[in-house]
Every structure is written in C-alpha cells, then in structure tokens.
Amino acid sequence: MATLRDRIPAAPPDRTGNSGPPPARRASLPLLVAGLCVALPVSLACGACIGASGLSWSEALHHLWAGLTGGTIDADDVAAYTIVWELRFPRAVLAAVVGAGLASVGVAVQAMVRNALADPFVLGISSGAAVGANAVLIFGAFGALGLWALSTAAFLSALAAMVLVYAVARTPRGLTPLRLVLTGTAMYYGFSAVTTFMVFAAEHGEAARSAMMWLLGSLGGANWSSVPIAAGAVLGGILHLGWSARRLNALAMGDETAAALGVDPGRLRKELFLTASAVTGAVVAVSGAIGFVGLMVPHAARMLVGADHRRLLAVAPLGGAVLLVWVDILSRVVLAPAELPLGVLTAAIGVPCFVLLMRRRTYTFGGV
C-alpha cells in the first residue's frame, strides 16, 4: 500500500501542466550547493575585511583568524581587532542569517498563497515590527531594556501583527490564500500609516532619520548578542520547511489536488503562516525591513533548479545569505564613510533582475 510520502509528487507542475523546465536546462544541484557553500565563507571573510577603516587584507584576515581560533593579539592591535571581530564580522554573519531567512520564507510564502509576487512582507509582519521599532527610536519606548530595546519591541510588535492578521484572515474553513494576501496587504498599509505618522511626529530630526534608516533596512547595530536568536529562528524555520518540502509541492498544485494527495491544506497553511511570521519577525527585529530578497531569490533558484521545493530549499537560503552579505558590503563602501540602507541596494539589484525574469519566455514563475 502506497504511503502518503509516496503519493506526493517530487515537484509541482508548472502552469503549462508539465513538470517544469527540462532537466537538461537545470543546474547540477550538488555542484550549485557546493559552490554556494564555498562562496558563503569567502563572502563572510570579505565582509570582515572590506570597510572604510583602511585596514589591509592581511591585517584583517589575521585578526579574523585570531577571533575564530581564540588567538592572541598585540596591545597595539586592539582597535583593529575590535573593528574586524566585534563590528564587521558579526555584521556579515547577521547579514547571512537574515538573507537565508528571507529567502527561505519567500519560498514558503509563495507556495502558501500561490502567488508569484508574494514575499515575506506580504503578511504585514514587517510593517507591524516597524511600529515597535519606531516607538523605540522616536519615543524611547522599552528604554529599560537598553541594547535589547529595539529588537524586543520589533519582535513583540511583529507577533502582535501576526495575531491580528491571523484573527482577521481566519474563517471557519481555515486560512485561504486570497484572504491572507488581502489581509496582509491591508495591514501593511495600516501599519505603514502608523509608522509614517510617528516619523512626522518625531521632535528630533536625528530620531526620524534613524527610524527611516531602519525602515529601509540596516545592519549598523549588529553585534554578537543579536546573532543567536535570529540564527536559531532561521535555522528552525529552514528545518521545518525542508521537512515539509513534499507537502509544499502538493500545496503548490492547489488545495483540491493537495487534499486528494492526503495533505490538509488548511493545517499546512497554518503551519507555514506561523513559521513565516516567526522567522520574519526575528530577522526584521535585527535588520529592519529589507525588500526584494524574499521575492527575487526564490525565483532565481527556481530558474536554476526547478520548482521542486526540496531543491529550492537547498539552494535559496544559501543564495540569500551570499547575496545579502555582498549587499551589506556595498552599503558600507559605495558612499563611505556614510552608509546606504540595504533596501535601496536590494531594490536597485532586484528590479532589473525581475525585469529580466519577466522577459525570459522559458520561465513560468514556478507555477505558483
């Protein structure tokens, strides 16, 4: 007797009814994953070595190695070591964590709502987190928490937004893609209006500038203490999505087909909603709202490896991690010593890439 796992197809069909692009056109998954696994540590090392402080590559690599191995440094090198190990490297690591989280959640959300234009922010969670972050930056809320005030307020307000979206979108029949998209979009505009009002109500221009910088995405406040929580949430989310990959393949073919294959669409959509919300809230709390990563990386991964979510979830997190590390590097050097918001660069990269995808006649946007 066939098990549920045997009944679920390996990959969802595209909109033409076929099983995606011909296999010959796909990149070799092992080679692609291996290449990304090499590119990621190289990118992290570059993130620790590149900056506006004038440190040479040999000095930066020496201090990075000392930090990784617990080695000793000279007293005269404390300042340089602090720049590399306490400022640049945790920032690069956090960029990789955030990029991996946004890309993996983008894959899940696009399957959950069956909308090729969906990304992690379509649920309204990021704009909800912005309300809490702005309350800290502009009005000093949660001041007793010190360095944890911003991330705590952003995460709590993201959870509150998640509960609100879920309460409004839920029906006796469960969560439906259309209601999720409409509710998330409406809440996004509502929360955005609140944050805009808060910025205009700010008494100090510097507070408003900090709020706008956060709203466009920034890793300027990254430190080692902010890495574990975000990394734990992202790792847990990726593991859950990887475990659910076959069910995601079924869900991408529609609720009726998924139900016929033994998958409960309502229950799976609820799981995905909770996972996407938790991961999005965790990464937005430490990085602000960074657009296009969760939209573009899943599409780029589909173009390379096809629509099978098992393959997608092996490639998309690594691709998102590498991409955001280099975006963060560019944000620090393009206008050095000033820093560009990450969202500006991701949009500058994402829009042309999205147009190129639109022009490719062979790409069917994953059939979602």
Protein backbone atom coordinates (compact mmCIF):
# COMPACT_ATOMS: atom_id res chain seq x y z
CA MET A 1 0.00 0.00 0.00
CA ALA A 2 1.42 3.39 -1.01
CA THR A 3 2.28 5.74 1.82
CA LEU A 4 1.42 9.43 1.89
CA ARG A 5 5.05 10.27 1.11
CA ASP A 6 4.93 8.04 -1.98
CA ARG A 7 1.73 9.66 -3.22
CA ILE A 8 3.02 13.24 -3.11
CA PRO A 9 4.87 14.14 -6.32
CA ALA A 10 8.50 15.19 -6.19
CA ALA A 11 7.80 18.50 -7.90
CA PRO A 12 4.70 20.57 -8.71
CA PRO A 13 3.82 21.04 -12.35
CA ASP A 14 4.22 24.43 -13.93
CA ARG A 15 1.28 26.34 -15.37
CA THR A 16 1.61 24.52 -18.69
CA GLY A 17 0.92 21.18 -16.98
CA ASN A 18 4.49 19.89 -17.35
CA SER A 19 6.92 19.12 -14.54
CA GLY A 20 8.91 22.32 -15.01
CA PRO A 21 11.81 23.07 -17.36
CA PRO A 22 13.62 20.14 -18.99
CA PRO A 23 16.17 18.62 -16.61
CA ALA A 24 19.00 19.37 -19.04
CA ARG A 25 18.44 23.07 -18.54
CA ARG A 26 18.74 22.87 -14.77
CA ALA A 27 21.94 23.45 -12.89
CA SER A 28 23.51 20.46 -11.18
CA LEU A 29 22.19 20.64 -7.62
CA PRO A 30 25.29 19.16 -5.91
CA LEU A 31 27.61 21.48 -7.83
CA LEU A 32 25.44 24.51 -7.17
CA VAL A 33 25.14 23.77 -3.45
CA ALA A 34 28.86 23.09 -3.21
CA GLY A 35 29.63 26.36 -4.99
CA LEU A 36 27.37 28.31 -2.65
CA CYS A 37 28.88 26.55 0.38
CA VAL A 38 32.29 27.77 -0.77
CA ALA A 39 31.03 31.23 -1.68
CA LEU A 40 29.42 31.81 1.72
CA PRO A 41 32.55 31.61 3.94
CA VAL A 42 34.52 33.54 1.31
CA SER A 43 31.83 36.23 1.36
CA LEU A 44 31.86 36.32 5.18
CA ALA A 45 35.64 36.77 5.14
CA CYS A 46 35.27 39.59 2.62
CA GLY A 47 32.65 41.17 4.85
CA ALA A 48 35.16 41.18 7.70
CA CYS A 49 37.99 42.56 5.55
CA ILE A 50 36.27 45.23 3.45
CA GLY A 51 35.43 48.57 5.01
CA ALA A 52 36.32 52.23 5.32
CA SER A 53 38.83 51.92 8.18
CA GLY A 54 41.89 51.47 5.96
CA LEU A 55 42.90 48.05 7.33
CA SER A 56 44.82 45.90 4.87
CA TRP A 57 43.56 42.47 3.89
CA SER A 58 46.43 40.75 5.68
CA GLU A 59 45.72 42.63 8.91
CA ALA A 60 42.00 41.96 8.72
CA LEU A 61 42.48 38.26 7.98
CA HIS A 62 44.99 38.00 10.85
CA HIS A 63 42.52 39.49 13.31
CA LEU A 64 39.67 37.37 11.92
CA TRP A 65 41.74 34.22 12.37
CA ALA A 66 42.66 35.30 15.91
CA GLY A 67 38.97 35.73 16.71
CA LEU A 68 37.99 32.38 15.19
CA THR A 69 40.76 30.42 16.91
CA GLY A 70 40.97 32.34 20.18
CA GLY A 71 44.48 33.53 19.39
CA THR A 72 46.28 36.43 21.00
CA ILE A 73 46.90 39.90 19.59
CA ASP A 74 49.27 42.73 20.46
CA ALA A 75 48.05 45.57 22.62
CA ASP A 76 48.55 47.98 19.72
CA ASP A 77 46.14 45.96 17.58
CA VAL A 78 43.16 46.02 19.94
CA ALA A 79 41.38 48.76 17.98
CA ALA A 80 41.84 46.95 14.65
CA TYR A 81 40.79 43.64 16.20
CA THR A 82 37.64 45.25 17.57
CA ILE A 83 36.74 46.60 14.13
CA VAL A 84 37.14 43.21 12.48
CA TRP A 85 35.83 40.84 15.13
CA GLU A 86 33.30 42.93 17.05
CA LEU A 87 31.91 45.12 14.26
CA ARG A 88 32.44 43.78 10.75
CA PHE A 89 32.30 40.01 11.21
CA PRO A 90 29.13 39.78 13.35
CA ARG A 91 27.52 42.14 10.86
CA ALA A 92 28.48 39.85 7.97
CA VAL A 93 27.23 36.78 9.87
CA LEU A 94 23.95 38.51 10.67
CA ALA A 95 23.57 39.54 7.02
CA ALA A 96 23.94 35.88 6.02
CA VAL A 97 21.37 34.81 8.62
CA VAL A 98 18.87 37.47 7.53
CA GLY A 99 19.39 36.71 3.83
CA ALA A 100 18.88 32.98 4.39
CA GLY A 101 15.76 33.62 6.46
CA LEU A 102 14.15 35.98 3.97
CA ALA A 103 14.89 33.71 1.01
CA SER A 104 13.55 30.55 2.66
CA VAL A 105 10.43 32.30 3.92
CA GLY A 106 9.92 33.71 0.43
CA VAL A 107 9.79 30.17 -0.94
CA ALA A 108 7.25 29.18 1.70
CA VAL A 109 5.02 32.23 1.32
CA GLN A 110 4.87 31.91 -2.47
CA ALA A 111 3.70 28.31 -2.07
CA MET A 112 1.36 29.18 0.80
CA VAL A 113 -0.57 31.88 -1.06
CA ARG A 114 0.14 30.51 -4.55
CA ASN A 115 1.19 33.95 -5.74
CA ALA A 116 4.41 34.55 -7.65
CA LEU A 117 4.58 38.15 -6.36
CA ALA A 118 4.42 37.16 -2.69
CA ASP A 119 7.36 37.71 -0.37
CA PRO A 120 7.86 37.58 3.43
CA PHE A 121 6.36 41.03 3.84
CA VAL A 122 3.03 40.27 2.15
CA LEU A 123 1.72 39.06 5.52
CA GLY A 124 2.10 42.52 7.08
CA ILE A 125 4.54 41.25 9.72
CA SER A 126 7.42 43.55 8.75
CA SER A 127 5.30 46.70 8.86
CA GLY A 128 3.96 45.57 12.23
CA ALA A 129 7.53 45.19 13.52
CA ALA A 130 8.27 48.70 12.26
CA VAL A 131 5.70 50.13 14.64
CA GLY A 132 7.53 48.74 17.67
CA ALA A 133 10.95 49.73 16.33
CA ASN A 134 9.83 53.29 15.67
CA ALA A 135 8.37 53.53 19.16
CA VAL A 136 11.88 52.83 20.49
CA LEU A 137 13.81 55.02 18.04
CA ILE A 138 11.50 58.01 18.22
CA PHE A 139 9.84 57.90 21.63
CA GLY A 140 12.32 55.86 23.66
CA ALA A 141 9.91 53.04 24.49
CA PHE A 142 11.32 49.98 26.30
CA GLY A 143 14.27 52.10 27.37
CA ALA A 144 14.81 49.92 30.44
CA LEU A 145 15.95 47.08 28.16
CA GLY A 146 18.94 49.04 26.89
CA LEU A 147 20.55 47.47 23.82
CA TRP A 148 17.75 44.90 23.61
CA ALA A 149 15.01 47.53 23.39
CA LEU A 150 14.88 47.81 19.61
CA SER A 151 14.90 44.10 18.78
CA THR A 152 12.50 43.26 21.62
CA ALA A 153 9.97 45.92 20.62
CA ALA A 154 10.18 44.98 16.95
CA PHE A 155 9.71 41.28 17.65
CA LEU A 156 6.80 41.81 20.04
CA SER A 157 5.01 44.10 17.62
CA ALA A 158 5.65 41.59 14.83
CA LEU A 159 4.00 38.88 16.93
CA ALA A 160 1.07 41.21 17.64
CA ALA A 161 0.73 41.88 13.90
CA MET A 162 0.82 38.12 13.26
CA VAL A 163 -2.02 37.52 15.72
CA LEU A 164 -4.07 40.34 14.20
CA VAL A 165 -3.57 39.15 10.62
CA TYR A 166 -4.43 35.59 11.61
CA ALA A 167 -7.55 36.66 13.50
CA VAL A 168 -8.84 38.71 10.57
CA ALA A 169 -7.92 36.26 7.81
CA ARG A 170 -9.15 33.10 9.53
CA THR A 171 -12.52 31.69 8.56
CA PRO A 172 -14.41 28.59 9.74
CA ARG A 173 -12.86 26.85 6.72
CA GLY A 174 -9.35 27.87 7.75
CA LEU A 175 -6.84 30.18 6.07
CA THR A 176 -7.27 30.77 2.34
CA PRO A 177 -4.61 32.27 0.07
CA LEU A 178 -6.76 35.18 -1.08
CA ARG A 179 -7.80 36.23 2.43
CA LEU A 180 -4.19 36.02 3.63
CA VAL A 181 -2.93 38.23 0.80
CA LEU A 182 -5.74 40.77 1.15
CA THR A 183 -5.50 40.90 4.94
CA GLY A 184 -1.71 41.13 4.92
CA THR A 185 -1.77 43.89 2.31
CA ALA A 186 -4.40 45.87 4.19
CA MET A 187 -2.48 45.54 7.47
CA TYR A 188 0.73 46.54 5.70
CA TYR A 189 -0.79 49.84 4.64
CA GLY A 190 -2.35 50.36 8.04
CA PHE A 191 0.90 49.76 9.95
CA SER A 192 2.83 51.85 7.40
CA ALA A 193 0.47 54.75 8.04
CA VAL A 194 1.14 54.45 11.78
CA THR A 195 4.92 54.44 11.30
CA THR A 196 4.74 57.42 8.92
CA PHE A 197 2.73 59.36 11.47
CA MET A 198 5.30 58.51 14.14
CA VAL A 199 8.15 59.76 11.94
CA PHE A 200 6.37 63.05 11.29
CA ALA A 201 5.58 63.38 14.99
CA ALA A 202 9.25 63.00 15.97
CA GLU A 203 10.61 66.04 17.77
CA HIS A 204 14.21 65.44 16.75
CA GLY A 205 15.37 65.12 13.17
CA GLU A 206 18.06 62.55 14.05
CA ALA A 207 15.45 60.25 15.57
CA ALA A 208 13.37 60.47 12.40
CA ARG A 209 16.46 59.77 10.29
CA SER A 210 17.29 56.68 12.38
CA ALA A 211 13.72 55.47 12.00
CA MET A 212 13.80 55.91 8.22
CA MET A 213 17.16 54.11 8.05
CA TRP A 214 15.70 51.18 9.95
CA LEU A 215 12.57 51.12 7.79
CA LEU A 216 14.77 50.72 4.70
CA GLY A 217 16.96 48.05 6.29
CA SER A 218 20.21 48.39 8.17
CA LEU A 219 22.69 46.16 9.98
CA GLY A 220 24.55 49.05 11.54
CA GLY A 221 23.63 47.92 15.05
CA ALA A 222 24.74 44.30 14.55
CA ASN A 223 26.69 42.63 17.34
CA TRP A 224 27.30 39.09 18.54
CA SER A 225 24.43 39.21 21.02
CA SER A 226 21.92 39.72 18.20
CA VAL A 227 23.09 36.72 16.18
CA PRO A 228 21.97 33.66 18.25
CA ILE A 229 18.25 34.45 18.46
CA ALA A 230 17.94 35.34 14.78
CA ALA A 231 20.08 32.36 13.74
CA GLY A 232 18.02 29.98 15.90
CA ALA A 233 14.74 31.22 14.42
CA VAL A 234 16.05 30.98 10.85
CA LEU A 235 17.56 27.53 11.36
CA GLY A 236 14.35 26.24 12.92
CA GLY A 237 12.30 27.69 10.07
CA ILE A 238 14.54 26.18 7.38
CA LEU A 239 14.44 22.75 9.04
CA HIS A 240 10.65 22.83 9.27
CA LEU A 241 10.29 23.93 5.66
CA GLY A 242 12.73 21.27 4.50
CA TRP A 243 10.74 18.63 6.38
CA SER A 244 7.56 19.95 4.71
CA ALA A 245 9.03 20.16 1.18
CA ARG A 246 6.90 17.37 -0.31
CA ARG A 247 3.76 18.84 1.21
CA LEU A 248 4.74 22.22 -0.25
CA ASN A 249 4.95 20.56 -3.67
CA ALA A 250 1.41 19.31 -3.22
CA LEU A 251 0.12 22.66 -1.95
CA ALA A 252 1.62 24.47 -4.94
CA MET A 253 -0.69 22.44 -7.20
CA GLY A 254 -3.82 23.75 -5.49
CA ASP A 255 -5.91 22.86 -2.46
CA GLU A 256 -8.05 20.25 -4.19
CA THR A 257 -5.05 18.41 -5.59
CA ALA A 258 -3.25 18.61 -2.25
CA ALA A 259 -6.28 17.22 -0.44
CA ALA A 260 -6.53 14.39 -2.96
CA LEU A 261 -2.91 13.54 -2.19
CA GLY A 262 -3.61 13.37 1.52
CA VAL A 263 -2.33 16.81 2.52
CA ASP A 264 -4.53 19.02 4.69
CA PRO A 265 -4.17 22.46 3.00
CA GLY A 266 -5.62 24.40 5.93
CA ARG A 267 -3.38 22.79 8.51
CA LEU A 268 -0.27 23.15 6.32
CA ARG A 269 -1.08 26.77 5.56
CA LYS A 270 -1.44 27.45 9.28
CA GLU A 271 1.97 25.85 9.93
CA LEU A 272 3.56 27.90 7.16
CA PHE A 273 1.94 31.09 8.42
CA LEU A 274 3.34 30.56 11.92
CA THR A 275 6.79 29.63 10.61
CA ALA A 276 6.95 32.54 8.17
CA SER A 277 5.76 35.00 10.80
CA ALA A 278 8.23 33.84 13.45
CA VAL A 279 11.20 33.91 11.08
CA THR A 280 10.20 37.24 9.52
CA GLY A 281 9.68 38.81 12.93
CA ALA A 282 13.05 37.56 14.15
CA VAL A 283 15.05 38.82 11.17
CA VAL A 284 13.18 42.11 10.82
CA ALA A 285 13.81 42.79 14.51
CA VAL A 286 17.57 42.81 13.91
CA SER A 287 17.80 44.19 10.37
CA GLY A 288 14.77 46.32 9.61
CA ALA A 289 12.64 45.87 6.50
CA ILE A 290 14.76 44.60 3.60
CA GLY A 291 12.79 44.09 0.42
CA PHE A 292 13.24 42.02 -2.73
CA VAL A 293 15.41 39.27 -1.18
CA GLY A 294 12.41 37.11 -0.35
CA LEU A 295 10.88 37.86 -3.75
CA MET A 296 13.83 37.52 -6.11
CA VAL A 297 15.97 34.75 -4.62
CA PRO A 298 13.21 32.08 -4.79
CA HIS A 299 12.56 32.94 -8.44
CA ALA A 300 16.27 32.84 -9.28
CA ALA A 301 16.55 29.48 -7.51
CA ARG A 302 13.56 28.10 -9.47
CA MET A 303 15.19 29.20 -12.70
CA LEU A 304 18.32 27.25 -11.75
CA VAL A 305 16.98 24.07 -10.12
CA GLY A 306 13.28 23.86 -10.98
CA ALA A 307 10.11 24.03 -8.89
CA ASP A 308 10.75 21.08 -6.55
CA HIS A 309 10.77 22.56 -3.04
CA ARG A 310 13.35 20.04 -1.87
CA ARG A 311 15.80 21.50 -4.36
CA LEU A 312 14.62 25.06 -3.80
CA LEU A 313 15.15 24.90 -0.05
CA ALA A 314 18.67 23.55 -0.57
CA VAL A 315 19.63 26.50 -2.77
CA ALA A 316 17.53 29.54 -1.80
CA PRO A 317 18.81 30.01 1.80
CA LEU A 318 22.44 29.80 0.68
CA GLY A 319 21.79 32.15 -2.23
CA GLY A 320 20.00 34.65 0.00
CA ALA A 321 22.84 34.52 2.54
CA VAL A 322 25.55 35.18 -0.05
CA LEU A 323 23.52 37.93 -1.71
CA LEU A 324 22.82 39.90 1.44
CA VAL A 325 26.42 39.68 2.67
CA TRP A 326 27.58 41.38 -0.53
CA VAL A 327 24.71 43.87 -0.44
CA ASP A 328 25.81 44.84 3.06
CA ILE A 329 29.41 45.21 1.88
CA LEU A 330 28.26 47.52 -0.91
CA SER A 331 26.14 49.53 1.51
CA ARG A 332 29.26 50.32 3.54
CA VAL A 333 31.63 51.20 0.69
CA VAL A 334 29.56 52.91 -2.03
CA LEU A 335 29.27 56.19 -0.14
CA ALA A 336 31.89 55.55 2.58
CA PRO A 337 32.08 56.67 5.31
CA ALA A 338 28.29 57.13 5.00
CA GLU A 339 26.11 54.02 4.85
CA LEU A 340 23.32 53.26 2.40
CA PRO A 341 20.16 51.49 3.58
CA LEU A 342 20.15 47.87 2.47
CA GLY A 343 16.67 48.19 0.99
CA VAL A 344 17.92 50.77 -1.50
CA LEU A 345 20.52 48.38 -2.87
CA THR A 346 18.31 45.29 -2.86
CA ALA A 347 15.73 47.25 -4.87
CA ALA A 348 18.42 48.52 -7.26
CA ILE A 349 19.53 44.93 -7.83
CA GLY A 350 16.12 43.29 -7.64
CA VAL A 351 14.17 45.45 -10.09
CA PRO A 352 16.47 44.82 -13.11
CA CYS A 353 16.68 41.11 -12.25
CA PHE A 354 12.90 40.89 -12.00
CA VAL A 355 12.52 42.59 -15.39
CA LEU A 356 14.99 40.12 -16.91
CA LEU A 357 12.99 37.21 -15.49
CA MET A 358 9.81 38.69 -16.92
CA ARG A 359 11.46 38.81 -20.34
CA ARG A 360 12.51 35.15 -20.26
CA ARG A 361 9.84 33.25 -22.17
CA THR A 362 11.02 29.89 -20.83
CA TYR A 363 10.48 30.86 -17.18
CA THR A 364 6.99 30.21 -15.79
CA PHE A 365 7.46 31.66 -12.26
CA GLY A 366 7.41 28.27 -10.61
CA GLY A 367 3.83 27.54 -11.35
CA VAL A 368 2.72 29.35 -8.21
